[in-house]
Protein backbone atom coordinates (compact mmCIF):
# COMPACT_ATOMS: atom_id res chain seq x y z
CA MET A 1 0.17 -0.09 -0.07
CA PHE A 2 0.90 3.65 -0.73
CA GLY A 3 1.73 5.84 2.14
CA MET A 4 0.91 9.64 2.00
CA LYS A 5 4.31 10.57 0.61
CA GLN A 6 4.18 7.85 -1.98
CA CYS A 7 0.67 8.70 -3.25
CA ALA A 8 2.05 12.49 -3.62
CA TRP A 9 4.88 11.14 -5.41
CA LEU A 10 2.88 8.91 -7.81
CA ALA A 11 0.66 11.90 -8.39
CA ALA A 12 3.52 13.97 -9.47
CA VAL A 13 4.68 11.19 -11.77
CA VAL A 14 1.23 11.23 -13.48
CA SER A 15 1.85 14.93 -14.37
CA LEU A 16 5.04 14.44 -16.29
CA SER A 17 5.05 14.62 -19.84
CA VAL A 18 7.01 12.16 -22.27
CA ALA A 19 8.18 13.42 -25.59
CA THR A 20 6.60 10.99 -27.69
CA ALA A 21 3.33 10.72 -25.84
CA GLY A 22 0.88 13.08 -27.43
CA PRO A 23 -2.93 13.14 -26.98
CA ALA A 24 -5.02 10.31 -28.26
CA SER A 25 -8.47 9.70 -29.07
CA ALA A 26 -10.75 7.87 -26.68
CA GLU A 27 -10.87 4.93 -28.87
CA GLU A 28 -7.10 4.12 -28.94
CA LYS A 29 -5.67 1.43 -26.67
CA LEU A 30 -2.89 -1.16 -26.70
CA THR A 31 -2.32 -4.53 -25.03
CA ILE A 32 0.83 -5.73 -23.20
CA GLN A 33 1.56 -9.34 -22.35
CA ILE A 34 3.41 -9.41 -18.96
CA TRP A 35 3.94 -11.62 -15.85
CA GLY A 36 0.94 -11.32 -13.58
CA THR A 37 2.76 -10.24 -10.27
CA THR A 38 4.89 -7.75 -12.30
CA TRP A 39 1.72 -6.22 -13.58
CA GLN A 40 0.05 -6.08 -10.28
CA SER A 41 3.37 -4.79 -8.50
CA ALA A 42 4.14 -1.92 -10.72
CA PHE A 43 2.98 -1.95 -14.36
CA GLN A 44 -0.66 -1.35 -13.57
CA ASP A 45 0.21 1.91 -12.03
CA ILE A 46 2.57 2.62 -14.81
CA SER A 47 -0.23 1.99 -17.40
CA LYS A 48 -2.80 4.18 -15.46
CA SER A 49 -0.18 7.06 -15.53
CA PHE A 50 0.36 6.53 -19.35
CA GLU A 51 -3.28 6.40 -19.98
CA GLN A 52 -4.01 9.57 -17.97
CA LYS A 53 -1.17 11.44 -20.11
CA THR A 54 -1.93 10.05 -23.40
CA GLY A 55 -5.47 8.87 -23.43
CA ILE A 56 -4.33 5.48 -24.69
CA LYS A 57 -5.94 2.76 -22.63
CA VAL A 58 -3.82 -0.10 -21.74
CA ASP A 59 -5.20 -3.73 -21.55
CA VAL A 60 -3.03 -6.69 -20.00
CA VAL A 61 -2.72 -10.23 -20.94
CA THR A 62 -0.79 -12.30 -18.38
CA GLN A 63 1.80 -15.12 -18.87
CA SER A 64 3.19 -17.54 -16.37
CA SER A 65 6.50 -17.65 -18.05
CA SER A 66 8.35 -16.20 -21.06
CA GLY A 67 8.31 -19.57 -22.84
CA GLU A 68 4.60 -19.80 -22.39
CA GLY A 69 4.20 -16.09 -23.56
CA LEU A 70 6.02 -16.88 -26.73
CA VAL A 71 3.76 -19.89 -27.52
CA LYS A 72 0.64 -17.63 -26.98
CA LEU A 73 2.08 -14.90 -29.47
CA GLN A 74 3.07 -17.68 -32.08
CA ALA A 75 -0.49 -18.97 -32.11
CA MET A 76 -1.77 -15.45 -33.02
CA LYS A 77 0.84 -14.68 -35.57
CA ALA A 78 -1.54 -14.13 -38.54
CA LYS A 79 -3.39 -11.51 -36.43
CA PRO A 80 -1.85 -10.54 -33.22
CA THR A 81 -4.04 -9.09 -30.43
CA VAL A 82 -0.86 -8.21 -28.33
CA ASP A 83 1.12 -5.13 -29.06
CA ILE A 84 4.09 -5.22 -26.61
CA TRP A 85 5.60 -8.32 -25.10
CA PHE A 86 7.64 -8.49 -21.80
CA THR A 87 10.27 -11.40 -21.76
CA THR A 88 13.68 -12.04 -20.72
CA SER A 89 16.66 -10.85 -22.91
CA SER A 90 17.72 -14.58 -23.76
CA VAL A 91 14.25 -15.52 -24.90
CA ALA A 92 13.93 -12.12 -26.76
CA ALA A 93 17.19 -12.89 -28.84
CA ARG A 94 15.62 -16.39 -29.85
CA ALA A 95 12.22 -14.74 -30.59
CA ALA A 96 13.65 -11.78 -32.47
CA THR A 97 14.43 -13.90 -35.61
CA ASP A 98 10.72 -14.07 -36.29
CA GLN A 99 10.54 -11.00 -38.18
CA GLN A 100 6.89 -11.84 -39.10
CA LEU A 101 5.82 -11.62 -35.57
CA PHE A 102 8.09 -8.93 -34.15
CA ALA A 103 9.16 -5.54 -35.46
CA LYS A 104 12.40 -3.56 -35.11
CA ILE A 105 12.35 -0.73 -32.67
CA PRO A 106 13.42 2.57 -34.16
CA THR A 107 15.58 3.45 -31.05
CA ALA A 108 16.69 6.82 -32.46
CA GLN A 109 13.09 7.95 -32.49
CA LEU A 110 12.52 7.31 -28.64
CA PRO A 111 13.98 10.19 -26.59
CA ASN A 112 14.05 8.48 -23.36
CA LEU A 113 16.35 5.80 -24.77
CA LYS A 114 19.31 8.32 -25.00
CA GLY A 115 19.49 8.09 -21.23
CA LEU A 116 19.58 4.39 -20.74
CA LYS A 117 22.70 2.28 -20.12
CA PRO A 118 24.20 1.21 -23.52
CA ALA A 119 23.45 -2.48 -23.01
CA ALA A 120 19.71 -1.77 -22.31
CA TYR A 121 18.35 -1.39 -25.65
CA ASN A 122 18.77 -2.46 -29.27
CA PRO A 123 16.59 -2.61 -32.32
CA ASP A 124 15.07 -6.02 -31.08
CA TRP A 125 14.20 -4.86 -27.47
CA VAL A 126 14.23 -2.28 -24.70
CA ALA A 127 14.94 -3.23 -21.18
CA ALA A 128 12.21 -2.57 -18.54
CA TYR A 129 14.83 -2.91 -15.91
CA TYR A 130 17.75 -5.30 -14.96
CA TYR A 131 18.69 -7.48 -11.99
CA PRO A 132 21.42 -9.64 -10.43
CA ILE A 133 20.85 -13.28 -9.41
CA GLY A 134 22.18 -13.32 -5.69
CA ILE A 135 21.62 -15.01 -2.20
CA ILE A 136 18.65 -14.02 0.02
CA TYR A 137 18.76 -15.70 3.52
CA LYS A 138 16.70 -15.43 6.74
CA THR A 139 18.66 -13.62 9.22
CA LYS A 140 17.01 -15.13 12.18
CA GLU A 141 17.52 -18.81 10.99
CA VAL A 142 20.94 -18.56 9.38
CA LYS A 143 23.29 -17.76 12.17
CA LYS A 144 26.47 -17.16 10.32
CA PRO A 145 26.17 -14.40 7.80
CA ILE A 146 26.67 -15.67 4.01
CA THR A 147 29.20 -13.74 2.10
CA SER A 148 30.05 -15.76 -0.89
CA TRP A 149 28.68 -18.26 -3.34
CA ALA A 150 31.11 -20.90 -1.89
CA ASP A 151 29.20 -20.52 1.43
CA LEU A 152 26.18 -22.36 -0.06
CA TRP A 153 28.14 -25.60 -0.04
CA ALA A 154 28.86 -25.55 3.64
CA PRO A 155 27.57 -28.68 5.65
CA GLU A 156 25.85 -26.09 8.05
CA LEU A 157 23.21 -25.42 5.19
CA LYS A 158 22.11 -28.96 4.80
CA GLY A 159 18.64 -29.08 3.56
CA GLN A 160 18.20 -25.31 3.59
CA LEU A 161 18.69 -24.12 0.09
CA ALA A 162 16.08 -23.20 -2.52
CA LEU A 163 17.86 -23.00 -6.04
CA PRO A 164 16.35 -22.13 -9.28
CA ASN A 165 16.00 -25.11 -11.70
CA LEU A 166 17.47 -24.71 -15.24
CA ALA A 167 14.26 -22.90 -16.71
CA MET A 168 14.54 -20.14 -14.14
CA TYR A 169 16.72 -17.10 -14.73
CA GLN A 170 18.49 -18.59 -18.04
CA GLY A 171 20.25 -21.27 -16.17
CA SER A 172 22.31 -18.79 -14.03
CA MET A 173 22.81 -21.09 -11.10
CA LEU A 174 24.41 -23.84 -13.25
CA LEU A 175 26.67 -21.09 -14.89
CA VAL A 176 27.61 -19.69 -11.42
CA ALA A 177 28.64 -23.05 -10.24
CA ALA A 178 30.56 -23.81 -13.47
CA THR A 179 32.31 -20.33 -13.25
CA LEU A 180 33.20 -20.79 -9.64
CA ASN A 181 34.92 -24.34 -10.51
CA GLY A 182 36.80 -23.36 -13.70
CA GLY A 183 34.31 -23.70 -16.13
CA GLY A 184 31.73 -21.21 -17.77
CA VAL A 185 29.18 -21.02 -20.66
CA ASP A 186 31.47 -23.20 -22.90
CA ASN A 187 32.06 -25.58 -20.24
CA VAL A 188 29.36 -26.57 -17.88
CA ASP A 189 30.77 -29.91 -16.69
CA PRO A 190 32.33 -28.23 -13.45
CA GLY A 191 28.74 -26.85 -12.72
CA PHE A 192 27.18 -30.26 -12.86
CA LYS A 193 29.76 -31.65 -10.60
CA ALA A 194 29.27 -28.84 -8.16
CA PHE A 195 25.53 -29.59 -8.44
CA GLU A 196 26.25 -33.05 -7.18
CA ARG A 197 28.11 -31.84 -4.18
CA ILE A 198 25.60 -29.34 -3.09
CA LYS A 199 22.43 -31.67 -3.42
CA PRO A 200 22.41 -32.48 0.29
CA ASN A 201 22.00 -28.83 1.10
CA VAL A 202 18.97 -28.45 -1.41
CA ALA A 203 15.46 -28.36 -0.15
CA LEU A 204 14.08 -27.94 -3.48
CA PHE A 205 14.86 -26.97 -6.92
CA TYR A 206 12.11 -24.50 -7.69
CA GLY A 207 10.24 -23.67 -10.88
CA SER A 208 8.47 -20.43 -10.27
CA ASP A 209 8.77 -17.33 -8.14
CA ALA A 210 5.69 -18.24 -6.16
CA GLN A 211 6.96 -21.69 -5.39
CA ALA A 212 10.31 -20.12 -4.05
CA ARG A 213 8.53 -17.59 -1.81
CA GLN A 214 6.24 -20.20 -0.36
CA ALA A 215 9.25 -22.32 0.44
CA MET A 216 10.79 -19.46 2.27
CA ALA A 217 7.59 -18.53 4.04
CA GLN A 218 6.52 -21.91 5.06
CA GLY A 219 10.13 -22.70 6.44
CA GLU A 220 10.95 -25.25 3.90
CA ALA A 221 13.96 -23.35 2.97
CA SER A 222 15.98 -20.52 4.72
CA VAL A 223 18.34 -19.60 1.79
CA LEU A 224 17.06 -18.71 -1.74
CA VAL A 225 19.14 -17.91 -4.96
CA ALA A 226 17.08 -15.39 -6.75
CA PRO A 227 16.70 -11.66 -7.79
CA PRO A 228 16.29 -8.73 -5.36
CA SER A 229 12.47 -8.54 -6.14
CA GLN A 230 12.07 -11.61 -4.20
CA ALA A 231 13.69 -10.22 -1.24
CA LYS A 232 11.35 -7.05 -1.26
CA ARG A 233 8.35 -9.33 -1.41
CA MET A 234 9.34 -11.50 1.50
CA ARG A 235 10.04 -8.18 3.49
CA ASP A 236 6.71 -6.99 2.40
CA GLN A 237 5.38 -10.37 4.02
CA GLY A 238 7.34 -9.71 7.32
CA ILE A 239 10.02 -12.10 6.67
CA GLU A 240 13.33 -10.62 7.76
CA VAL A 241 16.13 -11.32 5.02
CA LYS A 242 19.39 -10.01 3.86
CA MET A 243 20.27 -10.17 0.28
CA ILE A 244 23.86 -10.19 -1.19
CA SER A 245 25.16 -10.39 -4.98
CA PRO A 246 28.62 -11.77 -4.87
CA LYS A 247 31.12 -12.22 -7.66
CA PRO A 248 30.19 -13.66 -10.38
CA ALA A 249 26.83 -12.00 -10.06
CA PRO A 250 24.61 -12.80 -13.20
CA MET A 251 23.07 -9.59 -14.57
CA LEU A 252 19.71 -10.08 -16.33
CA PHE A 253 17.30 -8.00 -18.24
CA ASP A 254 13.57 -8.24 -18.51
CA VAL A 255 12.77 -6.45 -21.90
CA MET A 256 10.05 -5.03 -23.98
CA MET A 257 9.38 -6.27 -27.60
CA LEU A 258 7.50 -4.63 -30.33
CA VAL A 259 4.75 -7.02 -31.94
CA ARG A 260 3.65 -6.48 -35.47
CA SER A 261 0.03 -5.83 -34.63
CA GLY A 262 -0.58 -2.75 -36.67
CA ASN A 263 -0.48 -0.65 -33.46
CA GLU A 264 3.21 0.02 -33.33
CA LYS A 265 2.82 3.67 -33.09
CA ASN A 266 1.06 3.59 -29.61
CA ALA A 267 3.39 0.67 -28.49
CA LEU A 268 6.56 2.75 -29.06
CA LYS A 269 4.76 5.65 -26.96
CA TYR A 270 4.48 3.09 -24.15
CA ILE A 271 7.91 1.53 -24.34
CA ASP A 272 9.44 5.24 -24.27
CA PHE A 273 7.30 6.04 -21.38
CA VAL A 274 8.49 3.12 -19.42
CA ALA A 275 11.91 4.18 -20.20
CA SER A 276 11.66 7.55 -18.51
CA PRO A 277 13.65 8.19 -15.49
CA GLU A 278 10.27 8.74 -13.40
CA MET A 279 9.06 5.29 -14.45
CA GLN A 280 12.20 3.66 -13.72
CA GLU A 281 12.38 4.83 -10.31
CA LEU A 282 8.81 3.71 -9.74
CA ILE A 283 9.86 0.18 -10.91
CA SER A 284 12.69 0.27 -8.74
CA ALA A 285 10.61 1.32 -5.63
CA ARG A 286 7.66 -1.03 -6.45
CA LEU A 287 9.36 -4.13 -7.94
CA GLY A 288 12.74 -4.04 -6.30
CA MET A 289 14.50 -4.09 -9.58
CA ALA A 290 17.31 -1.99 -10.92
CA PRO A 291 16.53 0.96 -13.13
CA VAL A 292 18.06 0.87 -16.59
CA SER A 293 17.85 4.77 -16.79
CA ASP A 294 21.13 6.44 -15.82
CA SER A 295 19.24 9.31 -14.26
CA ALA A 296 17.12 7.10 -12.18
CA LYS A 297 18.21 6.09 -8.75
CA PRO A 298 17.40 2.69 -7.06
CA THR A 299 16.11 2.56 -3.65
CA ARG A 300 18.74 2.74 -0.87
CA GLU A 301 17.95 -0.83 0.26
CA LEU A 302 18.25 -2.06 -3.41
CA ALA A 303 21.46 -0.14 -4.01
CA ASP A 304 22.89 -2.20 -1.13
CA GLU A 305 22.01 -5.55 -2.64
CA LEU A 306 23.34 -4.77 -6.23
CA PRO A 307 26.80 -6.18 -7.14
CA LYS A 308 30.08 -4.08 -6.50
CA PRO A 309 31.58 -2.76 -9.80
CA GLY A 310 33.43 -5.66 -11.47
CA ASP A 311 31.56 -8.40 -9.78
CA GLU A 312 28.90 -8.53 -12.51
CA VAL A 313 28.95 -11.15 -15.25
CA ALA A 314 26.90 -11.38 -18.32
CA PHE A 315 26.54 -14.66 -20.39
CA ASP A 316 26.18 -14.80 -24.05
CA ASP A 317 22.58 -15.12 -25.00
CA ALA A 318 23.29 -16.89 -28.23
CA LYS A 319 25.24 -19.54 -26.29
CA LEU A 320 22.55 -19.84 -23.71
CA ASN A 321 19.84 -20.31 -26.36
CA ALA A 322 21.88 -22.94 -28.15
CA ASN A 323 22.53 -25.06 -25.16
CA ILE A 324 19.90 -24.54 -22.39
CA SER A 325 17.57 -27.35 -23.84
CA ALA A 326 20.52 -29.94 -23.63
CA TRP A 327 21.54 -28.67 -20.29
CA THR A 328 18.00 -28.86 -18.92
CA ASP A 329 17.65 -32.57 -19.93
CA ARG A 330 21.06 -33.29 -18.31
CA PHE A 331 19.85 -31.49 -15.37
CA ASN A 332 16.68 -33.51 -15.08
CA LYS A 333 18.35 -36.61 -15.40
CA GLU A 334 21.49 -36.18 -13.20
CA ILE A 335 20.43 -33.70 -10.74
CA ALA A 336 16.71 -33.38 -10.09
CA ARG A 337 15.96 -37.09 -10.17
């Protein structure tokens, strides 16, 4: 719930102008496809602000995952009813090859993109925010503070870990484990061997954000590998947690893609609106994700959870897409059995 100061701040945000967002007729609207919790946490309010400023109504279609969302869009390729698709950067890299379904973004025509981090946009997508994958732990239950990835293999954490399976966060946990042990995206064998060693400490390999939060809330796990948005949601539920993003900290983008729906003009207005510093700060405050605008400041709590300069790592999306299916099959056979 917003407090009085937050409400006043949101009201001020609504009054701000966006260069590309001119007045629209009452009949104009657009549809975005996004994860349900992301919509409810932040983008519902962003969309209300956009509608008040432009007169363009925003409808929403929800998806449980990027993979499911892509299947939905492919099924409507002949006549898309979605104008903007939210997905992960790795899935976007794969989806962008379908130029019948997705349009290129004229980045030079969107004023707010000039203020984004250079890696946060390209002709295929514009990032809505970015986030590290780190370690979240309950401060009342984990007596010895966790300071590094290596700590997760400590015998004291037996049966306490909730780790993402390979369908979550682009296989980041496998790649972290591989990197720590001399491998990486080109050699994941050390990562699978490390997974074998960590299995006694794993309470579950989770397949959704909701499952992960439930495990932490119900005491099934006390340590979670996840982005900072999960730490925020748990604090909002009254669970005392601390998050660290140690080296190597995978950095991921959730992005917006432009669908060839015939409504690209209005969709581009929305994409540029989301990229504005004001909306980027709202995303940081509401979602616990990091802003991609250089002019937007993360919340102080989030700033403490982001990796130190030089601790970040980004894995090649093309290599991820080429190998994730085989890695998942191997994970299911060797680790998740």
